[in-house]
Amino acid sequence: MPNFVLTLSCADRVGIVHAVSGFLARKACNICDSAQFSDRGSCEFFMRVSFAARGSVLADLRREFSDVAHGFGMSWQMYDCSVRPRLLIMVSRAGHCLNDLLFRHATGTLDVDIRAIVSNHNDFSRLAASYDIAFHHLPLTLPTKVMQERKLLEIVEQEQIDLVVLARYMQVLSDDFCRRMAGRVINIHHSFLPSFKGAKPYHQAYSRGVKLIGATAHYVTAELDEGPIIEQGVLRVDHALAPADLAAVGRDVEAGVLARAVKFHVENRVLLNGSRTVVFR
């Protein structure tokens, strides 16, 4: 049977789960998985339901569920699981996250449609070609930034991109781009921020004798590195590791954290809760 996912959030009150499950029962839908969370601080309710629906059409389900949603003032989405999200990956000169995402995609562990790779350098054009994915080299200088982002948006529109993944793309996106793509751009960075800002964070970490190496994946907002966090990870290190060793550990953490964040997003497991996220694993 066709599989769908319903996600919703609204003010917490009695009867939400009953209304959702009752609707699905009336439509002869079988609930495969259900998760919910009530935020006591904000009094908001969050829910994700995966269900199978024999003979149902997504447009009809959406139209008929809108009455239920209106009654509770829900913010909601309903997705057809057979439709693979369309991704655009952006990268500069560090290719570990890009290579990890491409391998996961090729082996079927990341069920997405990678439509394009965009870079301000030409380093990974051959890697993109080896996976038969379009590569767009968009060089960037300060005078050409506006034009470069205009071309980037053209690619997003032409390819009907659902999610942009910054796989160590080392350029700051404009406020306008961030606003236009709100909730549709994921970034990865080392978790040393804000303690070790700027160049060579692993050298700074080495000089301070850090004992944990970490990474954070988050949604991109106009406030640099302040977007809602989706996933984080850490690995323990010790005094025996040189800066290059710390960087190698960091690359492993970054690749894994970004891949998990992308997977959570494309499986519709992430719901925004103000400046935070609810992630149904």
C-alpha atoms as a PDB file:
ATOM      1  CA  MET A   1       0.000   0.000   0.000  1.00  0.00           C
ATOM      2  CA  PRO A   2       1.166   3.594  -0.568  1.00  0.00           C
ATOM      3  CA  ASN A   3       2.909   5.069   2.466  1.00  0.00           C
ATOM      4  CA  PHE A   4       2.490   8.613   3.723  1.00  0.00           C
ATOM      5  CA  VAL A   5       3.788  10.747   6.597  1.00  0.00           C
ATOM      6  CA  LEU A   6       1.793  13.362   8.471  1.00  0.00           C
ATOM      7  CA  THR A   7       3.587  15.923  10.640  1.00  0.00           C
ATOM      8  CA  LEU A   8       1.863  18.566  12.713  1.00  0.00           C
ATOM      9  CA  SER A   9       2.207  21.048  15.530  1.00  0.00           C
ATOM     10  CA  CYS A  10      -0.376  23.083  17.414  1.00  0.00           C
ATOM     11  CA  ALA A  11      -1.314  24.344  20.841  1.00  0.00           C
ATOM     12  CA  ASP A  12      -1.531  21.381  23.190  1.00  0.00           C
ATOM     13  CA  ARG A  13      -5.059  20.356  24.161  1.00  0.00           C
ATOM     14  CA  VAL A  14      -7.199  17.289  24.740  1.00  0.00           C
ATOM     15  CA  GLY A  15      -8.290  15.279  21.701  1.00  0.00           C
ATOM     16  CA  ILE A  16      -5.510  15.826  19.152  1.00  0.00           C
ATOM     17  CA  VAL A  17      -4.335  12.209  18.951  1.00  0.00           C
ATOM     18  CA  HIS A  18      -7.941  10.992  18.915  1.00  0.00           C
ATOM     19  CA  ALA A  19      -8.813  13.340  16.054  1.00  0.00           C
ATOM     20  CA  VAL A  20      -5.804  12.275  13.974  1.00  0.00           C
ATOM     21  CA  SER A  21      -6.175   8.555  14.560  1.00  0.00           C
ATOM     22  CA  GLY A  22      -9.938   8.794  14.042  1.00  0.00           C
ATOM     23  CA  PHE A  23      -9.475  10.474  10.684  1.00  0.00           C
ATOM     24  CA  LEU A  24      -7.005   7.804   9.554  1.00  0.00           C
ATOM     25  CA  ALA A  25      -9.338   5.041  10.729  1.00  0.00           C
ATOM     26  CA  ARG A  26     -12.229   6.526   8.758  1.00  0.00           C
ATOM     27  CA  LYS A  27     -10.007   6.568   5.675  1.00  0.00           C
ATOM     28  CA  ALA A  28      -9.085   2.893   6.235  1.00  0.00           C
ATOM     29  CA  CYS A  29      -5.444   3.854   6.795  1.00  0.00           C
ATOM     30  CA  ASN A  30      -3.092   1.632   8.785  1.00  0.00           C
ATOM     31  CA  ILE A  31      -0.803   3.488  11.213  1.00  0.00           C
ATOM     32  CA  CYS A  32       2.740   2.085  10.878  1.00  0.00           C
ATOM     33  CA  ASP A  33       4.513   4.384  13.309  1.00  0.00           C
ATOM     34  CA  SER A  34       3.465   7.262  15.544  1.00  0.00           C
ATOM     35  CA  ALA A  35       5.457   9.638  17.743  1.00  0.00           C
ATOM     36  CA  GLN A  36       4.392  12.679  19.707  1.00  0.00           C
ATOM     37  CA  PHE A  37       5.825  15.267  22.081  1.00  0.00           C
ATOM     38  CA  SER A  38       4.233  17.863  24.321  1.00  0.00           C
ATOM     39  CA  ASP A  39       6.519  20.805  25.131  1.00  0.00           C
ATOM     40  CA  ARG A  40       5.562  21.900  28.632  1.00  0.00           C
ATOM     41  CA  GLY A  41       7.491  25.146  28.256  1.00  0.00           C
ATOM     42  CA  SER A  42       5.710  26.410  25.155  1.00  0.00           C
ATOM     43  CA  CYS A  43       2.518  24.320  25.561  1.00  0.00           C
ATOM     44  CA  GLU A  44       2.980  23.180  21.961  1.00  0.00           C
ATOM     45  CA  PHE A  45       2.161  19.679  20.732  1.00  0.00           C
ATOM     46  CA  PHE A  46       4.154  17.907  17.996  1.00  0.00           C
ATOM     47  CA  MET A  47       3.292  14.703  16.166  1.00  0.00           C
ATOM     48  CA  ARG A  48       4.588  12.524  13.319  1.00  0.00           C
ATOM     49  CA  VAL A  49       2.496   9.659  11.947  1.00  0.00           C
ATOM     50  CA  SER A  50       3.568   7.203   9.264  1.00  0.00           C
ATOM     51  CA  PHE A  51       0.641   5.367   7.694  1.00  0.00           C
ATOM     52  CA  ALA A  52      -0.365   3.202   4.757  1.00  0.00           C
ATOM     53  CA  ALA A  53      -3.465   4.027   2.734  1.00  0.00           C
ATOM     54  CA  ARG A  54      -4.856   1.631   0.161  1.00  0.00           C
ATOM     55  CA  GLY A  55      -6.338   3.392  -2.862  1.00  0.00           C
ATOM     56  CA  SER A  56      -5.921   6.885  -1.406  1.00  0.00           C
ATOM     57  CA  VAL A  57      -4.566   9.895  -3.279  1.00  0.00           C
ATOM     58  CA  LEU A  58      -2.396  12.425  -1.458  1.00  0.00           C
ATOM     59  CA  ALA A  59      -4.359  15.419  -2.728  1.00  0.00           C
ATOM     60  CA  ASP A  60      -7.608  13.901  -1.427  1.00  0.00           C
ATOM     61  CA  LEU A  61      -6.087  13.078   1.958  1.00  0.00           C
ATOM     62  CA  ARG A  62      -4.737  16.607   2.288  1.00  0.00           C
ATOM     63  CA  ARG A  63      -8.047  18.185   1.355  1.00  0.00           C
ATOM     64  CA  GLU A  64     -10.066  16.060   3.752  1.00  0.00           C
ATOM     65  CA  PHE A  65      -7.604  16.382   6.651  1.00  0.00           C
ATOM     66  CA  SER A  66      -7.657  20.182   6.368  1.00  0.00           C
ATOM     67  CA  ASP A  67     -10.960  20.280   8.271  1.00  0.00           C
ATOM     68  CA  VAL A  68      -9.416  18.378  11.189  1.00  0.00           C
ATOM     69  CA  ALA A  69      -6.339  20.598  11.121  1.00  0.00           C
ATOM     70  CA  HIS A  70      -8.416  23.784  11.055  1.00  0.00           C
ATOM     71  CA  GLY A  71     -10.306  22.721  14.154  1.00  0.00           C
ATOM     72  CA  PHE A  72      -7.086  22.521  16.166  1.00  0.00           C
ATOM     73  CA  GLY A  73      -5.198  25.380  14.485  1.00  0.00           C
ATOM     74  CA  MET A  74      -2.521  22.982  13.250  1.00  0.00           C
ATOM     75  CA  SER A  75       0.577  23.739  11.222  1.00  0.00           C
ATOM     76  CA  TRP A  76       0.859  20.522   9.236  1.00  0.00           C
ATOM     77  CA  GLN A  77       2.254  18.735   6.216  1.00  0.00           C
ATOM     78  CA  MET A  78       1.457  15.428   4.544  1.00  0.00           C
ATOM     79  CA  TYR A  79       4.048  13.660   2.390  1.00  0.00           C
ATOM     80  CA  ASP A  80       4.042  10.817  -0.116  1.00  0.00           C
ATOM     81  CA  CYS A  81       6.966   8.538   0.843  1.00  0.00           C
ATOM     82  CA  SER A  82       7.367   7.319  -2.741  1.00  0.00           C
ATOM     83  CA  VAL A  83       8.515  10.810  -3.802  1.00  0.00           C
ATOM     84  CA  ARG A  84      12.247  11.155  -3.152  1.00  0.00           C
ATOM     85  CA  PRO A  85      13.367  14.611  -1.936  1.00  0.00           C
ATOM     86  CA  ARG A  86      15.501  16.508  -4.450  1.00  0.00           C
ATOM     87  CA  LEU A  87      18.850  17.675  -3.042  1.00  0.00           C
ATOM     88  CA  LEU A  88      21.489  20.188  -4.036  1.00  0.00           C
ATOM     89  CA  ILE A  89      24.860  19.819  -2.298  1.00  0.00           C
ATOM     90  CA  MET A  90      27.270  22.739  -1.939  1.00  0.00           C
ATOM     91  CA  VAL A  91      30.964  22.234  -1.181  1.00  0.00           C
ATOM     92  CA  SER A  92      34.241  24.147  -1.247  1.00  0.00           C
ATOM     93  CA  ARG A  93      37.562  22.274  -0.953  1.00  0.00           C
ATOM     94  CA  ALA A  94      36.990  19.821   1.908  1.00  0.00           C
ATOM     95  CA  GLY A  95      35.283  16.832   0.333  1.00  0.00           C
ATOM     96  CA  HIS A  96      34.751  14.384   3.196  1.00  0.00           C
ATOM     97  CA  CYS A  97      31.085  15.274   3.810  1.00  0.00           C
ATOM     98  CA  LEU A  98      30.301  15.375   0.089  1.00  0.00           C
ATOM     99  CA  ASN A  99      31.949  12.009  -0.514  1.00  0.00           C
ATOM    100  CA  ASP A 100      30.097  10.462   2.432  1.00  0.00           C
ATOM    101  CA  LEU A 101      26.708  11.711   1.228  1.00  0.00           C
ATOM    102  CA  LEU A 102      27.335  10.506  -2.321  1.00  0.00           C
ATOM    103  CA  PHE A 103      28.374   7.057  -1.105  1.00  0.00           C
ATOM    104  CA  ARG A 104      25.327   6.743   1.154  1.00  0.00           C
ATOM    105  CA  HIS A 105      23.116   7.807  -1.755  1.00  0.00           C
ATOM    106  CA  ALA A 106      24.738   5.317  -4.129  1.00  0.00           C
ATOM    107  CA  THR A 107      24.374   2.440  -1.661  1.00  0.00           C
ATOM    108  CA  GLY A 108      20.736   3.232  -0.912  1.00  0.00           C
ATOM    109  CA  THR A 109      21.135   4.223   2.746  1.00  0.00           C
ATOM    110  CA  LEU A 110      20.160   7.817   1.923  1.00  0.00           C
ATOM    111  CA  ASP A 111      17.014   7.668  -0.203  1.00  0.00           C
ATOM    112  CA  VAL A 112      17.162  10.987  -2.020  1.00  0.00           C
ATOM    113  CA  ASP A 113      17.560  12.356  -5.528  1.00  0.00           C
ATOM    114  CA  ILE A 114      20.780  14.393  -5.683  1.00  0.00           C
ATOM    115  CA  ARG A 115      20.150  16.722  -8.601  1.00  0.00           C
ATOM    116  CA  ALA A 116      23.269  18.881  -8.527  1.00  0.00           C
ATOM    117  CA  ILE A 117      26.539  19.729  -6.811  1.00  0.00           C
ATOM    118  CA  VAL A 118      27.553  23.387  -6.638  1.00  0.00           C
ATOM    119  CA  SER A 119      31.012  24.616  -5.682  1.00  0.00           C
ATOM    120  CA  ASN A 120      33.017  27.818  -5.720  1.00  0.00           C
ATOM    121  CA  HIS A 121      35.987  25.651  -6.752  1.00  0.00           C
ATOM    122  CA  ASN A 122      36.409  23.001  -9.440  1.00  0.00           C
ATOM    123  CA  ASP A 123      38.051  20.347  -7.249  1.00  0.00           C
ATOM    124  CA  PHE A 124      35.179  17.838  -7.186  1.00  0.00           C
ATOM    125  CA  SER A 125      33.941  17.945 -10.761  1.00  0.00           C
ATOM    126  CA  ARG A 126      35.359  14.479 -11.474  1.00  0.00           C
ATOM    127  CA  LEU A 127      33.833  13.060  -8.308  1.00  0.00           C
ATOM    128  CA  ALA A 128      30.433  14.402  -9.367  1.00  0.00           C
ATOM    129  CA  ALA A 129      30.888  12.929 -12.852  1.00  0.00           C
ATOM    130  CA  SER A 130      31.724   9.511 -11.370  1.00  0.00           C
ATOM    131  CA  TYR A 131      28.264   9.512  -9.776  1.00  0.00           C
ATOM    132  CA  ASP A 132      26.660  10.962 -12.920  1.00  0.00           C
ATOM    133  CA  ILE A 133      25.527  14.097 -11.053  1.00  0.00           C
ATOM    134  CA  ALA A 134      25.539  17.577 -12.578  1.00  0.00           C
ATOM    135  CA  PHE A 135      28.390  19.777 -11.299  1.00  0.00           C
ATOM    136  CA  HIS A 136      28.124  23.571 -11.349  1.00  0.00           C
ATOM    137  CA  HIS A 137      31.283  25.599 -10.828  1.00  0.00           C
ATOM    138  CA  LEU A 138      30.200  29.016  -9.550  1.00  0.00           C
ATOM    139  CA  PRO A 139      33.352  31.002  -8.705  1.00  0.00           C
ATOM    140  CA  LEU A 140      32.881  33.587  -6.006  1.00  0.00           C
ATOM    141  CA  THR A 141      34.456  36.965  -5.397  1.00  0.00           C
ATOM    142  CA  LEU A 142      32.970  39.848  -3.454  1.00  0.00           C
ATOM    143  CA  PRO A 143      31.864  41.763  -6.606  1.00  0.00           C
ATOM    144  CA  THR A 144      30.242  38.613  -8.070  1.00  0.00           C
ATOM    145  CA  LYS A 145      28.431  37.393  -4.939  1.00  0.00           C
ATOM    146  CA  VAL A 146      25.006  38.692  -5.976  1.00  0.00           C
ATOM    147  CA  MET A 147      25.311  37.192  -9.456  1.00  0.00           C
ATOM    148  CA  GLN A 148      26.574  33.884  -8.052  1.00  0.00           C
ATOM    149  CA  GLU A 149      23.610  33.554  -5.698  1.00  0.00           C
ATOM    150  CA  ARG A 150      21.242  34.496  -8.515  1.00  0.00           C
ATOM    151  CA  LYS A 151      22.626  31.565 -10.538  1.00  0.00           C
ATOM    152  CA  LEU A 152      22.346  29.348  -7.475  1.00  0.00           C
ATOM    153  CA  LEU A 153      18.666  30.221  -7.058  1.00  0.00           C
ATOM    154  CA  GLU A 154      18.100  29.521 -10.749  1.00  0.00           C
ATOM    155  CA  ILE A 155      19.459  26.001 -10.243  1.00  0.00           C
ATOM    156  CA  VAL A 156      17.274  25.555  -7.161  1.00  0.00           C
ATOM    157  CA  GLU A 157      14.191  26.564  -9.142  1.00  0.00           C
ATOM    158  CA  GLN A 158      15.054  24.641 -12.317  1.00  0.00           C
ATOM    159  CA  GLU A 159      15.774  21.429 -10.426  1.00  0.00           C
ATOM    160  CA  GLN A 160      12.868  21.934  -7.995  1.00  0.00           C
ATOM    161  CA  ILE A 161      15.230  21.480  -5.065  1.00  0.00           C
ATOM    162  CA  ASP A 162      13.687  20.528  -1.731  1.00  0.00           C
ATOM    163  CA  LEU A 163      16.853  20.763   0.377  1.00  0.00           C
ATOM    164  CA  VAL A 164      20.245  22.459   0.045  1.00  0.00           C
ATOM    165  CA  VAL A 165      23.050  20.776   1.992  1.00  0.00           C
ATOM    166  CA  LEU A 166      26.173  22.770   2.841  1.00  0.00           C
ATOM    167  CA  ALA A 167      28.752  19.982   2.936  1.00  0.00           C
ATOM    168  CA  ARG A 168      31.608  22.180   4.180  1.00  0.00           C
ATOM    169  CA  TYR A 169      30.748  25.085   1.882  1.00  0.00           C
ATOM    170  CA  MET A 170      33.034  27.764   3.243  1.00  0.00           C
ATOM    171  CA  GLN A 171      31.135  30.859   2.170  1.00  0.00           C
ATOM    172  CA  VAL A 172      28.486  32.868   4.002  1.00  0.00           C
ATOM    173  CA  LEU A 173      25.096  32.921   2.295  1.00  0.00           C
ATOM    174  CA  SER A 174      23.324  36.260   2.047  1.00  0.00           C
ATOM    175  CA  ASP A 175      20.458  37.187   4.372  1.00  0.00           C
ATOM    176  CA  ASP A 176      18.125  37.266   1.384  1.00  0.00           C
ATOM    177  CA  PHE A 177      19.045  33.719   0.339  1.00  0.00           C
ATOM    178  CA  CYS A 178      18.643  32.468   3.901  1.00  0.00           C
ATOM    179  CA  ARG A 179      15.186  33.999   4.182  1.00  0.00           C
ATOM    180  CA  ARG A 180      14.034  32.652   0.824  1.00  0.00           C
ATOM    181  CA  MET A 181      15.265  29.155   1.694  1.00  0.00           C
ATOM    182  CA  ALA A 182      14.222  29.123   5.366  1.00  0.00           C
ATOM    183  CA  GLY A 183      13.987  25.576   6.697  1.00  0.00           C
ATOM    184  CA  ARG A 184      15.469  24.163   3.490  1.00  0.00           C
ATOM    185  CA  VAL A 185      19.226  24.580   4.062  1.00  0.00           C
ATOM    186  CA  ILE A 186      21.331  22.438   6.415  1.00  0.00           C
ATOM    187  CA  ASN A 187      24.890  23.297   7.422  1.00  0.00           C
ATOM    188  CA  ILE A 188      27.636  21.397   9.268  1.00  0.00           C
ATOM    189  CA  HIS A 189      30.363  22.910  11.421  1.00  0.00           C
ATOM    190  CA  HIS A 190      32.737  21.917  14.181  1.00  0.00           C
ATOM    191  CA  SER A 191      31.284  22.233  17.659  1.00  0.00           C
ATOM    192  CA  PHE A 192      34.195  24.369  18.843  1.00  0.00           C
ATOM    193  CA  LEU A 193      32.121  27.442  18.016  1.00  0.00           C
ATOM    194  CA  PRO A 194      32.070  29.917  19.608  1.00  0.00           C
ATOM    195  CA  SER A 195      35.166  28.967  21.628  1.00  0.00           C
ATOM    196  CA  PHE A 196      37.443  28.567  18.607  1.00  0.00           C
ATOM    197  CA  LYS A 197      36.303  30.867  15.832  1.00  0.00           C
ATOM    198  CA  GLY A 198      38.131  31.712  12.649  1.00  0.00           C
ATOM    199  CA  ALA A 199      40.929  29.857  10.905  1.00  0.00           C
ATOM    200  CA  LYS A 200      42.462  26.543  11.996  1.00  0.00           C
ATOM    201  CA  PRO A 201      40.022  25.599  14.784  1.00  0.00           C
ATOM    202  CA  TYR A 202      41.737  22.242  15.293  1.00  0.00           C
ATOM    203  CA  HIS A 203      45.070  23.958  15.883  1.00  0.00           C
ATOM    204  CA  GLN A 204      43.365  26.194  18.436  1.00  0.00           C
ATOM    205  CA  ALA A 205      41.788  23.142  20.052  1.00  0.00           C
ATOM    206  CA  TYR A 206      45.175  21.401  20.192  1.00  0.00           C
ATOM    207  CA  SER A 207      46.773  24.356  21.920  1.00  0.00           C
ATOM    208  CA  ARG A 208      44.037  24.245  24.568  1.00  0.00           C
ATOM    209  CA  GLY A 209      44.279  20.488  25.067  1.00  0.00           C
ATOM    210  CA  VAL A 210      40.684  19.602  24.231  1.00  0.00           C
ATOM    211  CA  LYS A 211      39.369  16.167  25.181  1.00  0.00           C
ATOM    212  CA  LEU A 212      36.301  16.052  22.925  1.00  0.00           C
ATOM    213  CA  ILE A 213      35.933  16.623  19.187  1.00  0.00           C
ATOM    214  CA  GLY A 214      32.431  17.439  17.993  1.00  0.00           C
ATOM    215  CA  ALA A 215      30.243  18.653  15.149  1.00  0.00           C
ATOM    216  CA  THR A 216      26.831  20.277  14.827  1.00  0.00           C
ATOM    217  CA  ALA A 217      24.309  20.187  11.972  1.00  0.00           C
ATOM    218  CA  HIS A 218      21.720  22.952  11.933  1.00  0.00           C
ATOM    219  CA  TYR A 219      19.314  24.842   9.725  1.00  0.00           C
ATOM    220  CA  VAL A 220      20.778  27.954   8.148  1.00  0.00           C
ATOM    221  CA  THR A 221      19.395  31.328   9.151  1.00  0.00           C
ATOM    222  CA  ALA A 222      20.500  34.911   8.561  1.00  0.00           C
ATOM    223  CA  GLU A 223      22.221  34.768  11.968  1.00  0.00           C
ATOM    224  CA  LEU A 224      25.508  32.974  11.242  1.00  0.00           C
ATOM    225  CA  ASP A 225      25.706  29.525  12.891  1.00  0.00           C
ATOM    226  CA  GLU A 226      22.697  30.309  15.094  1.00  0.00           C
ATOM    227  CA  GLY A 227      20.038  28.223  13.327  1.00  0.00           C
ATOM    228  CA  PRO A 228      17.983  25.479  15.015  1.00  0.00           C
ATOM    229  CA  ILE A 229      20.166  22.452  15.795  1.00  0.00           C
ATOM    230  CA  ILE A 230      19.184  19.140  14.210  1.00  0.00           C
ATOM    231  CA  GLU A 231      21.971  16.758  15.245  1.00  0.00           C
ATOM    232  CA  GLN A 232      25.281  16.738  17.117  1.00  0.00           C
ATOM    233  CA  GLY A 233      28.051  14.244  17.794  1.00  0.00           C
ATOM    234  CA  VAL A 234      31.301  13.966  19.751  1.00  0.00           C
ATOM    235  CA  LEU A 235      34.312  11.648  19.961  1.00  0.00           C
ATOM    236  CA  ARG A 236      36.831  11.540  22.816  1.00  0.00           C
ATOM    237  CA  VAL A 237      40.465  12.460  22.081  1.00  0.00           C
ATOM    238  CA  ASP A 238      43.600  12.823  24.195  1.00  0.00           C
ATOM    239  CA  HIS A 239      46.972  14.511  24.467  1.00  0.00           C
ATOM    240  CA  ALA A 240      48.639  12.126  22.001  1.00  0.00           C
ATOM    241  CA  LEU A 241      46.836  13.524  18.966  1.00  0.00           C
ATOM    242  CA  ALA A 242      48.484  16.214  16.845  1.00  0.00           C
ATOM    243  CA  PRO A 243      46.425  18.929  15.079  1.00  0.00           C
ATOM    244  CA  ALA A 244      46.259  16.819  11.909  1.00  0.00           C
ATOM    245  CA  ASP A 245      44.953  13.883  13.927  1.00  0.00           C
ATOM    246  CA  LEU A 246      42.303  16.070  15.552  1.00  0.00           C
ATOM    247  CA  ALA A 247      41.236  17.300  12.120  1.00  0.00           C
ATOM    248  CA  ALA A 248      40.919  13.691  10.918  1.00  0.00           C
ATOM    249  CA  VAL A 249      38.710  12.829  13.891  1.00  0.00           C
ATOM    250  CA  GLY A 250      36.703  15.976  13.192  1.00  0.00           C
ATOM    251  CA  ARG A 251      36.128  14.960   9.586  1.00  0.00           C
ATOM    252  CA  ASP A 252      34.665  11.622  10.685  1.00  0.00           C
ATOM    253  CA  VAL A 253      32.340  13.288  13.186  1.00  0.00           C
ATOM    254  CA  GLU A 254      31.237  15.957  10.702  1.00  0.00           C
ATOM    255  CA  ALA A 255      30.396  13.434   7.981  1.00  0.00           C
ATOM    256  CA  GLY A 256      28.321  11.261  10.307  1.00  0.00           C
ATOM    257  CA  VAL A 257      26.458  14.134  11.947  1.00  0.00           C
ATOM    258  CA  LEU A 258      25.588  15.764   8.619  1.00  0.00           C
ATOM    259  CA  ALA A 259      24.394  12.478   7.114  1.00  0.00           C
ATOM    260  CA  ARG A 260      22.113  11.821  10.091  1.00  0.00           C
ATOM    261  CA  ALA A 261      20.714  15.358   9.984  1.00  0.00           C
ATOM    262  CA  VAL A 262      19.948  15.079   6.261  1.00  0.00           C
ATOM    263  CA  LYS A 263      18.322  11.671   6.778  1.00  0.00           C
ATOM    264  CA  PHE A 264      16.150  13.006   9.626  1.00  0.00           C
ATOM    265  CA  HIS A 265      15.064  15.930   7.445  1.00  0.00           C
ATOM    266  CA  VAL A 266      14.221  13.959   4.295  1.00  0.00           C
ATOM    267  CA  GLU A 267      12.293  11.409   6.361  1.00  0.00           C
ATOM    268  CA  ASN A 268      10.236  14.305   7.753  1.00  0.00           C
ATOM    269  CA  ARG A 269      11.362  13.668  11.319  1.00  0.00           C
ATOM    270  CA  VAL A 270      12.323  17.266  12.150  1.00  0.00           C
ATOM    271  CA  LEU A 271       9.758  19.817  13.331  1.00  0.00           C
ATOM    272  CA  LEU A 272      10.688  23.382  14.202  1.00  0.00           C
ATOM    273  CA  ASN A 273       9.948  24.497  17.741  1.00  0.00           C
ATOM    274  CA  GLY A 274      10.879  28.170  17.767  1.00  0.00           C
ATOM    275  CA  SER A 275      14.691  28.360  17.803  1.00  0.00           C
ATOM    276  CA  ARG A 276      14.876  24.626  18.587  1.00  0.00           C
ATOM    277  CA  THR A 277      13.826  21.414  16.882  1.00  0.00           C
ATOM    278  CA  VAL A 278      11.839  18.335  17.754  1.00  0.00           C
ATOM    279  CA  VAL A 279      13.456  15.292  16.103  1.00  0.00           C
ATOM    280  CA  PHE A 280      11.439  12.067  16.039  1.00  0.00           C
ATOM    281  CA  ARG A 281      14.015   9.289  15.587  1.00  0.00           C
END
